[in-house]
């Protein structure tokens, strides 16, 4: 065990933090990848390219896909 109080074992299995729904988006315009998060009460994702701020909206619904990574042209 270390004398440094900042170094400690952390068990993520006991973590109570909820995982937010997210998608991976590759913006072809600037060659940048980012994650898009949505609120649990929304049925869509809104994400902006971090470089040029182009906005993309991804709808969530039945009959969709299980794919988690997309390319925005």
C-alpha atoms as a PDB file:
ATOM      1  CA  UNK A   1       0.000   0.000   0.000  1.00  0.00           C
ATOM      2  CA  UNK A   2       1.229   3.464  -0.870  1.00  0.00           C
ATOM      3  CA  UNK A   3       1.715   6.347   1.538  1.00  0.00           C
ATOM      4  CA  UNK A   4       0.264   8.640  -1.114  1.00  0.00           C
ATOM      5  CA  UNK A   5      -3.475   9.066  -0.335  1.00  0.00           C
ATOM      6  CA  UNK A   6      -4.253   9.963  -3.973  1.00  0.00           C
ATOM      7  CA  UNK A   7      -3.204   6.517  -5.223  1.00  0.00           C
ATOM      8  CA  UNK A   8      -5.894   4.013  -4.373  1.00  0.00           C
ATOM      9  CA  UNK A   9      -7.687   1.046  -5.868  1.00  0.00           C
ATOM     10  CA  UNK A  10     -10.985   1.987  -7.492  1.00  0.00           C
ATOM     11  CA  UNK A  11     -13.551  -0.671  -8.293  1.00  0.00           C
ATOM     12  CA  UNK A  12     -15.704   0.572 -11.192  1.00  0.00           C
ATOM     13  CA  UNK A  13     -18.228  -2.238 -10.573  1.00  0.00           C
ATOM     14  CA  UNK A  14     -19.428  -0.336  -7.492  1.00  0.00           C
ATOM     15  CA  UNK A  15     -19.797   2.934  -9.377  1.00  0.00           C
ATOM     16  CA  UNK A  16     -23.368   4.306  -9.273  1.00  0.00           C
ATOM     17  CA  UNK A  17     -22.922   6.631 -12.253  1.00  0.00           C
ATOM     18  CA  UNK A  18     -25.468   5.970 -15.021  1.00  0.00           C
ATOM     19  CA  UNK A  19     -24.100   5.546 -18.515  1.00  0.00           C
ATOM     20  CA  UNK A  20     -25.644   8.062 -20.874  1.00  0.00           C
ATOM     21  CA  UNK A  21     -26.712   6.910 -24.341  1.00  0.00           C
ATOM     22  CA  UNK A  22     -24.160   7.957 -26.973  1.00  0.00           C
ATOM     23  CA  UNK A  23     -23.122   7.573 -30.606  1.00  0.00           C
ATOM     24  CA  UNK A  24     -19.770   7.963 -32.287  1.00  0.00           C
ATOM     25  CA  UNK A  25     -19.801  10.424 -35.184  1.00  0.00           C
ATOM     26  CA  UNK A  26     -17.016  10.916 -37.728  1.00  0.00           C
ATOM     27  CA  UNK A  27     -17.387  14.314 -39.405  1.00  0.00           C
ATOM     28  CA  UNK A  28     -16.022  13.856 -42.894  1.00  0.00           C
ATOM     29  CA  UNK A  29     -16.002  17.664 -43.427  1.00  0.00           C
ATOM     30  CA  UNK A  30     -13.035  18.094 -41.048  1.00  0.00           C
ATOM     31  CA  UNK A  31     -11.909  14.496 -40.431  1.00  0.00           C
ATOM     32  CA  UNK A  32     -12.849  14.702 -36.753  1.00  0.00           C
ATOM     33  CA  UNK A  33     -14.430  12.029 -34.528  1.00  0.00           C
ATOM     34  CA  UNK A  34     -16.601  12.939 -31.564  1.00  0.00           C
ATOM     35  CA  UNK A  35     -19.248  11.406 -29.351  1.00  0.00           C
ATOM     36  CA  UNK A  36     -22.863  12.536 -29.356  1.00  0.00           C
ATOM     37  CA  UNK A  37     -24.826  12.240 -26.117  1.00  0.00           C
ATOM     38  CA  UNK A  38     -28.576  12.483 -25.690  1.00  0.00           C
ATOM     39  CA  UNK A  39     -30.814  12.975 -22.723  1.00  0.00           C
ATOM     40  CA  UNK A  40     -32.804   9.873 -21.766  1.00  0.00           C
ATOM     41  CA  UNK A  41     -36.070  11.764 -22.346  1.00  0.00           C
ATOM     42  CA  UNK A  42     -35.153  12.723 -25.949  1.00  0.00           C
ATOM     43  CA  UNK A  43     -35.595  10.631 -29.090  1.00  0.00           C
ATOM     44  CA  UNK A  44     -32.715  12.217 -31.009  1.00  0.00           C
ATOM     45  CA  UNK A  45     -29.051  13.182 -30.816  1.00  0.00           C
ATOM     46  CA  UNK A  46     -27.776  16.637 -31.808  1.00  0.00           C
ATOM     47  CA  UNK A  47     -24.049  16.926 -32.401  1.00  0.00           C
ATOM     48  CA  UNK A  48     -21.738  19.589 -33.828  1.00  0.00           C
ATOM     49  CA  UNK A  49     -18.433  19.195 -35.603  1.00  0.00           C
ATOM     50  CA  UNK A  50     -15.823  20.462 -33.122  1.00  0.00           C
ATOM     51  CA  UNK A  51     -13.934  22.310 -35.882  1.00  0.00           C
ATOM     52  CA  UNK A  52     -16.501  23.913 -38.220  1.00  0.00           C
ATOM     53  CA  UNK A  53     -19.593  23.631 -35.940  1.00  0.00           C
ATOM     54  CA  UNK A  54     -21.709  21.933 -38.618  1.00  0.00           C
ATOM     55  CA  UNK A  55     -24.789  20.502 -36.867  1.00  0.00           C
ATOM     56  CA  UNK A  56     -26.148  16.998 -37.399  1.00  0.00           C
ATOM     57  CA  UNK A  57     -29.284  15.478 -35.892  1.00  0.00           C
ATOM     58  CA  UNK A  58     -29.731  11.690 -35.558  1.00  0.00           C
ATOM     59  CA  UNK A  59     -33.249  10.390 -34.884  1.00  0.00           C
ATOM     60  CA  UNK A  60     -33.810   7.372 -32.618  1.00  0.00           C
ATOM     61  CA  UNK A  61     -36.781   5.105 -33.240  1.00  0.00           C
ATOM     62  CA  UNK A  62     -38.145   1.659 -33.875  1.00  0.00           C
ATOM     63  CA  UNK A  63     -36.974  -0.038 -37.046  1.00  0.00           C
ATOM     64  CA  UNK A  64     -33.586   1.667 -36.719  1.00  0.00           C
ATOM     65  CA  UNK A  65     -30.148   0.132 -36.430  1.00  0.00           C
ATOM     66  CA  UNK A  66     -27.947  -1.186 -33.634  1.00  0.00           C
ATOM     67  CA  UNK A  67     -24.976   0.607 -35.185  1.00  0.00           C
ATOM     68  CA  UNK A  68     -23.237   2.985 -32.755  1.00  0.00           C
ATOM     69  CA  UNK A  69     -20.739   4.722 -35.091  1.00  0.00           C
ATOM     70  CA  UNK A  70     -21.770   6.904 -38.057  1.00  0.00           C
ATOM     71  CA  UNK A  71     -20.196   9.148 -40.688  1.00  0.00           C
ATOM     72  CA  UNK A  72     -21.657  12.626 -41.225  1.00  0.00           C
ATOM     73  CA  UNK A  73     -21.053  13.789 -44.787  1.00  0.00           C
END
